[in-house]
Amino acid sequence: MASTTPFSGPNPTIEPFTKDLKGVDQNTNSVDERLLWGSLGLLATVCLIVRAIDLVHRHLRHLSAMSATEHQQGYWAKSESTWLPQLKKQILYAPLRKKRHNKEIQISSATNFGTLPSRLHTAILSLYLLSNLAYCAGINYHVKNRYESLAQLRGRAGSLAVANMITLVILAGKSILSRS
């Protein structure tokens, strides 16, 4: 008669979740990926619309100021809205703290670490990070086997890593193109 000890053979509670996608909830992972991509698409659409409106406004101002007298050009000197200058001052162009947002962070006199983001960029990056953490935290913890919830976390983190990798490559390519 063979006696079994706690260390003889694989653990029956973890073994089913060590291979393939067993325990991974692919349907919820797909929904979370779509939510992440949808929120990024919505953010990109809003940024493009705001930028297009700004370009149209600048072009109209340029066209009307070309043939206008000095008195007529005074129309563009005053802002008609009170909220847009405050939005630009407090959020869009505002530095993160008291330093300029495009000031380089110096590690040494020969090396820099990048630049400080503006308040808007900080808010966007924080929301993106929090959404990734929320997607990872939104797994089913009420299963009998804790290794099943670890398998769900493994699958969720993997699918979010792939989705974030695509965003990373796109934004890194934008950064490289803007340097040249």
N, C-alpha and C. Protein backbone atom coordinates (compact mmCIF):
# COMPACT_ATOMS: atom_id res chain seq x y z
N MET A 1 0.84 -1.16 0.00
CA MET A 1 0.00 0.00 0.00
C MET A 1 0.89 1.23 0.00
N ALA A 2 0.63 2.09 -0.92
CA ALA A 2 1.44 3.30 -1.07
C ALA A 2 0.88 4.40 -0.19
N SER A 3 1.76 4.96 0.57
CA SER A 3 1.33 6.09 1.40
C SER A 3 1.58 7.38 0.65
N THR A 4 0.69 8.31 0.81
CA THR A 4 0.86 9.59 0.14
C THR A 4 1.27 10.64 1.16
N THR A 5 2.25 11.37 0.82
CA THR A 5 2.70 12.48 1.66
C THR A 5 2.28 13.77 0.98
N PRO A 6 2.30 14.85 1.71
CA PRO A 6 1.89 16.11 1.10
C PRO A 6 2.77 16.53 -0.07
N PHE A 7 3.99 16.00 -0.17
CA PHE A 7 4.90 16.43 -1.22
C PHE A 7 5.10 15.37 -2.29
N SER A 8 4.28 14.34 -2.34
CA SER A 8 4.47 13.30 -3.35
C SER A 8 3.57 13.57 -4.54
N GLY A 9 4.13 14.10 -5.61
CA GLY A 9 3.37 14.36 -6.83
C GLY A 9 2.86 15.79 -6.91
N PRO A 10 2.24 16.08 -8.00
CA PRO A 10 1.77 17.45 -8.21
C PRO A 10 0.58 17.78 -7.30
N ASN A 11 0.47 19.03 -6.98
CA ASN A 11 -0.63 19.51 -6.15
C ASN A 11 -1.92 19.45 -6.96
N PRO A 12 -2.93 18.71 -6.51
CA PRO A 12 -4.13 18.55 -7.32
C PRO A 12 -4.94 19.84 -7.46
N THR A 13 -4.67 20.83 -6.63
CA THR A 13 -5.45 22.06 -6.76
C THR A 13 -4.84 23.04 -7.74
N ILE A 14 -3.55 22.95 -8.01
CA ILE A 14 -2.92 23.88 -8.93
C ILE A 14 -2.69 23.26 -10.30
N GLU A 15 -2.56 21.96 -10.38
CA GLU A 15 -2.20 21.28 -11.63
C GLU A 15 -3.13 21.59 -12.79
N PRO A 16 -4.44 21.64 -12.62
CA PRO A 16 -5.28 21.91 -13.79
C PRO A 16 -5.07 23.30 -14.40
N PHE A 17 -4.49 24.23 -13.65
CA PHE A 17 -4.36 25.61 -14.13
C PHE A 17 -2.95 25.96 -14.55
N THR A 18 -2.08 24.96 -14.72
CA THR A 18 -0.69 25.24 -15.08
C THR A 18 -0.45 25.20 -16.58
N LYS A 19 -1.39 24.72 -17.36
CA LYS A 19 -1.19 24.60 -18.79
C LYS A 19 -2.32 25.26 -19.55
N ASP A 20 -2.01 25.72 -20.72
CA ASP A 20 -2.98 26.28 -21.66
C ASP A 20 -3.75 27.45 -21.03
N LEU A 21 -5.02 27.56 -21.37
CA LEU A 21 -5.85 28.66 -20.87
C LEU A 21 -6.90 28.19 -19.89
N LYS A 22 -6.60 27.11 -19.20
CA LYS A 22 -7.56 26.61 -18.22
C LYS A 22 -7.70 27.60 -17.07
N GLY A 23 -8.93 27.96 -16.78
CA GLY A 23 -9.20 28.92 -15.72
C GLY A 23 -9.22 30.36 -16.18
N VAL A 24 -8.83 30.61 -17.42
CA VAL A 24 -8.82 31.98 -17.95
C VAL A 24 -10.18 32.28 -18.55
N ASP A 25 -10.75 33.39 -18.18
CA ASP A 25 -12.06 33.82 -18.68
C ASP A 25 -11.85 34.69 -19.92
N GLN A 26 -11.78 34.06 -21.08
CA GLN A 26 -11.49 34.77 -22.32
C GLN A 26 -12.60 35.75 -22.72
N ASN A 27 -13.85 35.43 -22.42
CA ASN A 27 -14.94 36.34 -22.78
C ASN A 27 -14.81 37.68 -22.05
N THR A 28 -14.56 37.63 -20.76
CA THR A 28 -14.39 38.87 -20.00
C THR A 28 -13.12 39.60 -20.41
N ASN A 29 -12.06 38.87 -20.72
CA ASN A 29 -10.84 39.50 -21.20
C ASN A 29 -11.08 40.25 -22.51
N SER A 30 -11.85 39.67 -23.40
CA SER A 30 -12.17 40.33 -24.67
C SER A 30 -12.99 41.59 -24.44
N VAL A 31 -13.94 41.52 -23.52
CA VAL A 31 -14.76 42.71 -23.22
C VAL A 31 -13.87 43.81 -22.63
N ASP A 32 -12.97 43.46 -21.74
CA ASP A 32 -12.08 44.45 -21.15
C ASP A 32 -11.15 45.07 -22.19
N GLU A 33 -10.64 44.25 -23.11
CA GLU A 33 -9.81 44.80 -24.17
C GLU A 33 -10.60 45.77 -25.04
N ARG A 34 -11.84 45.42 -25.36
CA ARG A 34 -12.67 46.32 -26.15
C ARG A 34 -12.96 47.62 -25.41
N LEU A 35 -13.17 47.53 -24.10
CA LEU A 35 -13.38 48.74 -23.30
C LEU A 35 -12.13 49.62 -23.30
N LEU A 36 -10.96 49.00 -23.16
CA LEU A 36 -9.72 49.75 -23.18
C LEU A 36 -9.51 50.43 -24.53
N TRP A 37 -9.70 49.69 -25.60
CA TRP A 37 -9.53 50.26 -26.94
C TRP A 37 -10.61 51.30 -27.24
N GLY A 38 -11.82 51.07 -26.76
CA GLY A 38 -12.89 52.05 -26.96
C GLY A 38 -12.61 53.35 -26.24
N SER A 39 -12.09 53.26 -25.01
CA SER A 39 -11.77 54.48 -24.27
C SER A 39 -10.60 55.23 -24.93
N LEU A 40 -9.62 54.50 -25.44
CA LEU A 40 -8.52 55.16 -26.16
C LEU A 40 -9.01 55.79 -27.45
N GLY A 41 -9.90 55.09 -28.16
CA GLY A 41 -10.47 55.65 -29.39
C GLY A 41 -11.30 56.89 -29.13
N LEU A 42 -12.08 56.87 -28.06
CA LEU A 42 -12.87 58.04 -27.69
C LEU A 42 -11.98 59.22 -27.35
N LEU A 43 -10.92 58.96 -26.59
CA LEU A 43 -9.97 60.02 -26.25
C LEU A 43 -9.30 60.59 -27.49
N ALA A 44 -8.89 59.72 -28.41
CA ALA A 44 -8.26 60.19 -29.65
C ALA A 44 -9.25 61.00 -30.50
N THR A 45 -10.50 60.57 -30.55
CA THR A 45 -11.52 61.29 -31.31
C THR A 45 -11.76 62.68 -30.72
N VAL A 46 -11.86 62.75 -29.41
CA VAL A 46 -12.06 64.06 -28.76
C VAL A 46 -10.87 64.97 -29.03
N CYS A 47 -9.66 64.44 -28.93
CA CYS A 47 -8.46 65.25 -29.20
C CYS A 47 -8.44 65.74 -30.64
N LEU A 48 -8.80 64.88 -31.59
CA LEU A 48 -8.83 65.30 -32.99
C LEU A 48 -9.89 66.36 -33.26
N ILE A 49 -11.05 66.22 -32.64
CA ILE A 49 -12.12 67.21 -32.84
C ILE A 49 -11.71 68.56 -32.25
N VAL A 50 -11.15 68.56 -31.06
CA VAL A 50 -10.71 69.81 -30.44
C VAL A 50 -9.61 70.45 -31.28
N ARG A 51 -8.70 69.65 -31.78
CA ARG A 51 -7.62 70.18 -32.63
C ARG A 51 -8.17 70.74 -33.93
N ALA A 52 -9.13 70.07 -34.55
CA ALA A 52 -9.72 70.55 -35.80
C ALA A 52 -10.45 71.87 -35.57
N ILE A 53 -11.20 71.97 -34.47
CA ILE A 53 -11.90 73.22 -34.17
C ILE A 53 -10.90 74.35 -33.96
N ASP A 54 -9.80 74.07 -33.28
CA ASP A 54 -8.78 75.08 -33.06
C ASP A 54 -8.15 75.52 -34.38
N LEU A 55 -7.87 74.58 -35.27
CA LEU A 55 -7.29 74.94 -36.57
C LEU A 55 -8.25 75.76 -37.42
N VAL A 56 -9.54 75.41 -37.42
CA VAL A 56 -10.53 76.18 -38.17
C VAL A 56 -10.64 77.59 -37.59
N HIS A 57 -10.64 77.71 -36.28
CA HIS A 57 -10.71 79.02 -35.63
C HIS A 57 -9.50 79.87 -36.01
N ARG A 58 -8.32 79.30 -35.98
CA ARG A 58 -7.11 80.03 -36.35
C ARG A 58 -7.14 80.46 -37.82
N HIS A 59 -7.61 79.57 -38.67
CA HIS A 59 -7.67 79.89 -40.10
C HIS A 59 -8.66 81.03 -40.36
N LEU A 60 -9.82 80.97 -39.72
CA LEU A 60 -10.80 82.05 -39.87
C LEU A 60 -10.24 83.37 -39.35
N ARG A 61 -9.55 83.33 -38.25
CA ARG A 61 -8.94 84.55 -37.71
C ARG A 61 -7.90 85.10 -38.67
N HIS A 62 -7.11 84.23 -39.26
CA HIS A 62 -6.09 84.66 -40.21
C HIS A 62 -6.73 85.28 -41.46
N LEU A 63 -7.75 84.62 -41.99
CA LEU A 63 -8.41 85.14 -43.20
C LEU A 63 -9.08 86.49 -42.95
N SER A 64 -9.75 86.62 -41.83
CA SER A 64 -10.45 87.88 -41.57
C SER A 64 -9.49 89.00 -41.20
N ALA A 65 -8.35 88.68 -40.63
CA ALA A 65 -7.39 89.71 -40.23
C ALA A 65 -6.54 90.19 -41.39
N MET A 66 -6.46 89.40 -42.48
CA MET A 66 -5.63 89.80 -43.62
C MET A 66 -6.13 91.08 -44.28
N SER A 67 -7.42 91.22 -44.43
CA SER A 67 -7.96 92.37 -45.14
C SER A 67 -8.64 93.37 -44.21
N ALA A 68 -8.52 93.19 -42.93
CA ALA A 68 -9.21 94.06 -41.97
C ALA A 68 -8.33 95.25 -41.59
N THR A 69 -9.00 96.30 -41.18
CA THR A 69 -8.27 97.47 -40.68
C THR A 69 -7.79 97.18 -39.26
N GLU A 70 -7.02 98.11 -38.72
CA GLU A 70 -6.50 97.91 -37.38
C GLU A 70 -7.63 97.86 -36.35
N HIS A 71 -8.64 98.67 -36.53
CA HIS A 71 -9.77 98.67 -35.62
C HIS A 71 -10.57 97.37 -35.72
N GLN A 72 -10.72 96.84 -36.93
CA GLN A 72 -11.46 95.59 -37.11
C GLN A 72 -10.69 94.39 -36.56
N GLN A 73 -9.37 94.48 -36.58
CA GLN A 73 -8.57 93.37 -36.06
C GLN A 73 -8.67 93.27 -34.54
N GLY A 74 -9.12 94.33 -33.89
CA GLY A 74 -9.29 94.32 -32.45
C GLY A 74 -10.35 93.33 -31.99
N TYR A 75 -11.20 92.88 -32.93
CA TYR A 75 -12.22 91.88 -32.59
C TYR A 75 -11.57 90.61 -32.05
N TRP A 76 -10.45 90.22 -32.60
CA TRP A 76 -9.80 88.98 -32.20
C TRP A 76 -8.93 89.15 -30.96
N ALA A 77 -8.75 90.39 -30.50
CA ALA A 77 -7.92 90.63 -29.32
C ALA A 77 -8.63 90.20 -28.04
N LYS A 78 -9.95 90.21 -28.06
CA LYS A 78 -10.72 89.84 -26.88
C LYS A 78 -11.35 88.47 -27.10
N SER A 79 -11.25 87.65 -26.10
CA SER A 79 -11.87 86.33 -26.17
C SER A 79 -13.35 86.46 -25.83
N GLU A 80 -14.19 85.84 -26.65
CA GLU A 80 -15.63 85.92 -26.39
C GLU A 80 -16.06 84.95 -25.30
N SER A 81 -15.31 83.90 -25.09
CA SER A 81 -15.68 82.95 -24.04
C SER A 81 -14.82 83.21 -22.81
N THR A 82 -15.39 82.98 -21.67
CA THR A 82 -14.63 83.16 -20.43
C THR A 82 -14.05 81.84 -19.93
N TRP A 83 -14.60 80.72 -20.36
CA TRP A 83 -14.15 79.43 -19.85
C TRP A 83 -12.95 78.88 -20.61
N LEU A 84 -12.82 79.21 -21.93
CA LEU A 84 -11.73 78.64 -22.71
C LEU A 84 -10.35 79.14 -22.26
N PRO A 85 -10.16 80.43 -22.02
CA PRO A 85 -8.84 80.85 -21.50
C PRO A 85 -8.51 80.23 -20.14
N GLN A 86 -9.52 80.10 -19.28
CA GLN A 86 -9.28 79.47 -17.98
C GLN A 86 -8.95 77.99 -18.12
N LEU A 87 -9.62 77.31 -19.06
CA LEU A 87 -9.34 75.90 -19.32
C LEU A 87 -7.90 75.73 -19.81
N LYS A 88 -7.48 76.59 -20.71
CA LYS A 88 -6.11 76.52 -21.21
C LYS A 88 -5.11 76.83 -20.10
N LYS A 89 -5.41 77.83 -19.30
CA LYS A 89 -4.49 78.24 -18.24
C LYS A 89 -4.38 77.21 -17.13
N GLN A 90 -5.51 76.65 -16.70
CA GLN A 90 -5.52 75.77 -15.55
C GLN A 90 -5.28 74.29 -15.87
N ILE A 91 -5.62 73.85 -17.10
CA ILE A 91 -5.54 72.42 -17.40
C ILE A 91 -4.67 72.12 -18.61
N LEU A 92 -4.99 72.70 -19.77
CA LEU A 92 -4.32 72.31 -21.00
C LEU A 92 -2.84 72.66 -21.03
N TYR A 93 -2.49 73.89 -20.68
CA TYR A 93 -1.10 74.34 -20.76
C TYR A 93 -0.43 74.43 -19.40
N ALA A 94 -1.12 74.07 -18.35
CA ALA A 94 -0.59 74.23 -17.00
C ALA A 94 0.49 73.18 -16.71
N PRO A 95 1.54 73.59 -16.04
CA PRO A 95 2.56 72.61 -15.65
C PRO A 95 2.03 71.72 -14.53
N LEU A 96 2.72 70.62 -14.32
CA LEU A 96 2.30 69.66 -13.30
C LEU A 96 2.35 70.30 -11.91
N ARG A 97 3.44 70.95 -11.63
CA ARG A 97 3.54 71.68 -10.36
C ARG A 97 3.90 73.12 -10.71
N LYS A 98 4.89 73.67 -10.05
CA LYS A 98 5.25 75.06 -10.33
C LYS A 98 6.29 75.18 -11.44
N LYS A 99 6.85 74.08 -11.87
CA LYS A 99 7.85 74.11 -12.92
C LYS A 99 7.17 74.07 -14.29
N ARG A 100 7.89 74.53 -15.30
CA ARG A 100 7.35 74.45 -16.65
C ARG A 100 7.18 72.99 -17.05
N HIS A 101 6.14 72.70 -17.83
CA HIS A 101 5.88 71.30 -18.16
C HIS A 101 6.86 70.74 -19.18
N ASN A 102 7.56 71.59 -19.91
CA ASN A 102 8.51 71.05 -20.87
C ASN A 102 9.95 71.18 -20.38
N LYS A 103 10.15 71.40 -19.08
CA LYS A 103 11.49 71.46 -18.51
C LYS A 103 12.02 70.04 -18.34
N GLU A 104 13.25 69.83 -18.74
CA GLU A 104 13.85 68.51 -18.66
C GLU A 104 14.19 68.13 -17.22
N ILE A 105 14.02 66.86 -16.90
CA ILE A 105 14.41 66.34 -15.60
C ILE A 105 15.86 65.87 -15.74
N GLN A 106 16.76 66.50 -15.04
CA GLN A 106 18.18 66.21 -15.17
C GLN A 106 18.62 65.15 -14.16
N ILE A 107 19.25 64.08 -14.66
CA ILE A 107 19.86 63.09 -13.78
C ILE A 107 21.27 63.55 -13.41
N SER A 108 21.99 63.97 -14.42
CA SER A 108 23.31 64.56 -14.23
C SER A 108 23.46 65.67 -15.26
N SER A 109 24.61 66.28 -15.31
CA SER A 109 24.80 67.36 -16.27
C SER A 109 24.84 66.85 -17.71
N ALA A 110 25.11 65.54 -17.89
CA ALA A 110 25.19 64.98 -19.23
C ALA A 110 23.93 64.22 -19.65
N THR A 111 23.08 63.87 -18.71
CA THR A 111 21.94 63.00 -19.02
C THR A 111 20.66 63.60 -18.50
N ASN A 112 19.62 63.51 -19.33
CA ASN A 112 18.30 63.93 -18.85
C ASN A 112 17.37 62.73 -18.86
N PHE A 113 16.28 62.86 -18.13
CA PHE A 113 15.35 61.75 -17.92
C PHE A 113 14.05 61.95 -18.68
N GLY A 114 13.93 63.04 -19.42
CA GLY A 114 12.70 63.35 -20.13
C GLY A 114 12.15 64.67 -19.65
N THR A 115 10.88 64.90 -19.90
CA THR A 115 10.26 66.16 -19.50
C THR A 115 9.06 65.90 -18.60
N LEU A 116 8.69 66.91 -17.85
CA LEU A 116 7.51 66.82 -16.99
C LEU A 116 6.25 66.91 -17.84
N PRO A 117 5.26 66.10 -17.57
CA PRO A 117 4.01 66.22 -18.33
C PRO A 117 3.17 67.39 -17.81
N SER A 118 2.23 67.83 -18.62
CA SER A 118 1.31 68.86 -18.17
C SER A 118 0.25 68.21 -17.27
N ARG A 119 -0.64 69.04 -16.71
CA ARG A 119 -1.69 68.50 -15.85
C ARG A 119 -2.64 67.60 -16.63
N LEU A 120 -2.95 67.99 -17.86
CA LEU A 120 -3.84 67.17 -18.69
C LEU A 120 -3.20 65.82 -18.99
N HIS A 121 -1.92 65.83 -19.37
CA HIS A 121 -1.24 64.57 -19.67
C HIS A 121 -1.15 63.68 -18.44
N THR A 122 -0.92 64.28 -17.29
CA THR A 122 -0.86 63.52 -16.04
C THR A 122 -2.21 62.89 -15.73
N ALA A 123 -3.28 63.64 -15.94
CA ALA A 123 -4.63 63.11 -15.69
C ALA A 123 -4.94 61.95 -16.64
N ILE A 124 -4.58 62.10 -17.91
CA ILE A 124 -4.83 61.04 -18.89
C ILE A 124 -4.03 59.79 -18.55
N LEU A 125 -2.76 59.95 -18.24
CA LEU A 125 -1.93 58.80 -17.88
C LEU A 125 -2.40 58.13 -16.60
N SER A 126 -2.83 58.92 -15.63
CA SER A 126 -3.34 58.36 -14.38
C SER A 126 -4.62 57.56 -14.60
N LEU A 127 -5.53 58.11 -15.41
CA LEU A 127 -6.77 57.39 -15.71
C LEU A 127 -6.48 56.10 -16.47
N TYR A 128 -5.53 56.13 -17.38
CA TYR A 128 -5.17 54.93 -18.14
C TYR A 128 -4.59 53.87 -17.21
N LEU A 129 -3.71 54.28 -16.30
CA LEU A 129 -3.13 53.34 -15.35
C LEU A 129 -4.20 52.78 -14.41
N LEU A 130 -5.08 53.64 -13.92
CA LEU A 130 -6.15 53.17 -13.04
C LEU A 130 -7.12 52.23 -13.76
N SER A 131 -7.38 52.49 -15.05
CA SER A 131 -8.26 51.58 -15.78
C SER A 131 -7.61 50.21 -15.94
N ASN A 132 -6.31 50.16 -16.17
CA ASN A 132 -5.61 48.87 -16.26
C ASN A 132 -5.65 48.14 -14.92
N LEU A 133 -5.45 48.87 -13.83
CA LEU A 133 -5.53 48.24 -12.52
C LEU A 133 -6.94 47.76 -12.21
N ALA A 134 -7.94 48.52 -12.62
CA ALA A 134 -9.33 48.11 -12.39
C ALA A 134 -9.67 46.86 -13.20
N TYR A 135 -9.18 46.78 -14.43
CA TYR A 135 -9.43 45.59 -15.24
C TYR A 135 -8.78 44.36 -14.60
N CYS A 136 -7.58 44.53 -14.04
CA CYS A 136 -6.91 43.39 -13.38
C CYS A 136 -7.59 43.03 -12.07
N ALA A 137 -8.14 44.01 -11.38
CA ALA A 137 -8.79 43.73 -10.10
C ALA A 137 -10.20 43.17 -10.29
N GLY A 138 -10.75 43.28 -11.48
CA GLY A 138 -12.12 42.85 -11.71
C GLY A 138 -12.27 41.39 -12.08
N ILE A 139 -11.53 40.53 -11.43
CA ILE A 139 -11.67 39.09 -11.69
C ILE A 139 -12.54 38.47 -10.60
N ASN A 140 -12.94 37.25 -10.80
CA ASN A 140 -13.82 36.56 -9.86
C ASN A 140 -12.96 35.96 -8.73
N TYR A 141 -13.02 36.56 -7.58
CA TYR A 141 -12.28 36.06 -6.41
C TYR A 141 -13.10 35.09 -5.58
N HIS A 142 -14.35 34.87 -5.93
CA HIS A 142 -15.24 34.02 -5.13
C HIS A 142 -15.31 32.60 -5.66
N VAL A 143 -14.20 32.08 -6.14
CA VAL A 143 -14.15 30.69 -6.57
C VAL A 143 -13.55 29.86 -5.44
N LYS A 144 -13.84 28.58 -5.42
CA LYS A 144 -13.38 27.72 -4.33
C LYS A 144 -11.87 27.52 -4.37
N ASN A 145 -11.33 27.45 -5.58
CA ASN A 145 -9.90 27.20 -5.71
C ASN A 145 -9.20 28.52 -6.01
N ARG A 146 -8.29 28.94 -5.15
CA ARG A 146 -7.63 30.23 -5.33
C ARG A 146 -6.72 30.22 -6.55
N TYR A 147 -6.28 29.04 -6.98
CA TYR A 147 -5.43 28.97 -8.16
C TYR A 147 -6.22 29.28 -9.43
N GLU A 148 -7.52 29.07 -9.39
CA GLU A 148 -8.35 29.44 -10.53
C GLU A 148 -8.40 30.96 -10.67
N SER A 149 -8.50 31.67 -9.55
CA SER A 149 -8.50 33.13 -9.65
C SER A 149 -7.12 33.65 -10.05
N LEU A 150 -6.05 32.95 -9.67
CA LEU A 150 -4.72 33.33 -10.14
C LEU A 150 -4.58 33.10 -11.64
N ALA A 151 -5.20 32.03 -12.13
CA ALA A 151 -5.18 31.78 -13.58
C ALA A 151 -5.97 32.87 -14.32
N GLN A 152 -7.08 33.32 -13.73
CA GLN A 152 -7.84 34.43 -14.33
C GLN A 152 -7.00 35.70 -14.36
N LEU A 153 -6.28 35.97 -13.27
CA LEU A 153 -5.42 37.15 -13.21
C LEU A 153 -4.30 37.05 -14.23
N ARG A 154 -3.73 35.86 -14.38
CA ARG A 154 -2.67 35.64 -15.36
C ARG A 154 -3.18 35.92 -16.77
N GLY A 155 -4.35 35.42 -17.09
CA GLY A 155 -4.92 35.65 -18.42
C GLY A 155 -5.27 37.10 -18.65
N ARG A 156 -5.84 37.76 -17.65
CA ARG A 156 -6.22 39.17 -17.78
C ARG A 156 -4.99 40.04 -17.96
N ALA A 157 -3.96 39.79 -17.16
CA ALA A 157 -2.73 40.59 -17.26
C ALA A 157 -2.05 40.37 -18.61
N GLY A 158 -2.09 39.16 -19.10
CA GLY A 158 -1.49 38.87 -20.41
C GLY A 158 -2.21 39.57 -21.54
N SER A 159 -3.53 39.52 -21.54
CA SER A 159 -4.27 40.16 -22.63
C SER A 159 -4.15 41.68 -22.55
N LEU A 160 -4.11 42.25 -21.34
CA LEU A 160 -3.89 43.69 -21.22
C LEU A 160 -2.47 44.08 -21.61
N ALA A 161 -1.51 43.21 -21.35
CA ALA A 161 -0.13 43.49 -21.76
C ALA A 161 -0.01 43.58 -23.28
N VAL A 162 -0.70 42.70 -23.98
CA VAL A 162 -0.67 42.75 -25.45
C VAL A 162 -1.37 44.01 -25.95
N ALA A 163 -2.52 44.35 -25.37
CA ALA A 163 -3.23 45.57 -25.78
C ALA A 163 -2.39 46.81 -25.49
N ASN A 164 -1.71 46.84 -24.35
CA ASN A 164 -0.86 47.99 -24.02
C ASN A 164 0.39 48.05 -24.88
N MET A 165 0.86 46.90 -25.33
CA MET A 165 2.05 46.87 -26.18
C MET A 165 1.77 47.56 -27.51
N ILE A 166 0.58 47.35 -28.05
CA ILE A 166 0.22 48.00 -29.31
C ILE A 166 0.20 49.51 -29.13
N THR A 167 -0.38 49.98 -28.04
CA THR A 167 -0.40 51.41 -27.75
C THR A 167 1.02 51.95 -27.56
N LEU A 168 1.86 51.20 -26.88
CA LEU A 168 3.24 51.61 -26.66
C LEU A 168 3.99 51.76 -27.97
N VAL A 169 3.83 50.81 -28.88
CA VAL A 169 4.54 50.87 -30.16
C VAL A 169 4.05 52.07 -30.98
N ILE A 170 2.75 52.31 -30.99
CA ILE A 170 2.21 53.44 -31.75
C ILE A 170 2.74 54.76 -31.19
N LEU A 171 2.69 54.93 -29.88
CA LEU A 171 3.14 56.19 -29.28
C LEU A 171 4.66 56.34 -29.34
N ALA A 172 5.41 55.26 -29.29
CA ALA A 172 6.86 55.34 -29.43
C ALA A 172 7.21 55.74 -30.86
N GLY A 173 6.48 55.22 -31.83
CA GLY A 173 6.70 55.62 -33.21
C GLY A 173 6.40 57.08 -33.44
N LYS A 174 5.39 57.60 -32.79
CA LYS A 174 5.06 59.02 -32.89
C LYS A 174 6.17 59.86 -32.30
N SER A 175 6.73 59.39 -31.18
CA SER A 175 7.81 60.12 -30.54
C SER A 175 9.07 60.14 -31.41
N ILE A 176 9.37 59.02 -32.05
CA ILE A 176 10.54 58.95 -32.92
C ILE A 176 10.35 59.84 -34.14
N LEU A 177 9.15 59.86 -34.71
CA LEU A 177 8.90 60.69 -35.88
C LEU A 177 8.96 62.18 -35.55
N SER A 178 8.56 62.56 -34.34
CA SER A 178 8.58 63.98 -33.99
C SER A 178 9.98 64.49 -33.74
N ARG A 179 10.96 63.60 -33.48
CA ARG A 179 12.36 64.04 -33.26
C ARG A 179 13.04 64.38 -34.57
N SER A 180 12.69 63.69 -35.65
CA SER A 180 13.40 63.91 -36.91
C SER A 180 12.84 65.04 -37.70
